[in-house]
Amino acid sequence: MVSNPTPLPIPILTTAAVLALYAFLAGWQGIELHSPAYAAFALLAAVACVGAVRLRFWSKYLVYLLAAALIGSWARSIQASHALGYFRIYSVGHVLLWLAPEGVLVLLSGYCSYAVYRQFKR
């Protein structure tokens, strides 16, 4: 008889889903833009996804790296937009609408980092 494996915790499944989506989108951008950087991040996200699903301790460091890269690129784009005067040209509502999707991704990356921290804390 084969025993049923222990189901994965919901936060790890959520993290894996976010990583798989990020791997797909980064890979797509890597192909569309012919960008080795996007391709590398797609590969890292795919490896982190598999590691998280297999509950490998090392996967948390890849999740942290990807979250830091995403948050850093978001902060850099906000800084560049501010330096170009983007926030003075458009209304506050338009700027908040523009920032909302990336803000959700930043929150998701924070959640994923917390999820792997809780799963693998020693």
Foldseek 3Di string as FASTA:
>chain_A
DDDDDDDDDPLLVLLLVLLQVQLVVLCVCCVVVVDVVSPVSSVLSNVLSVCSRVVPLVSLVSLVVSLVVLVVVLVVVVVVCVVVVVPVVDDPVVVCVVCVVSVVVNVSSVSSNVSSCVSNPD
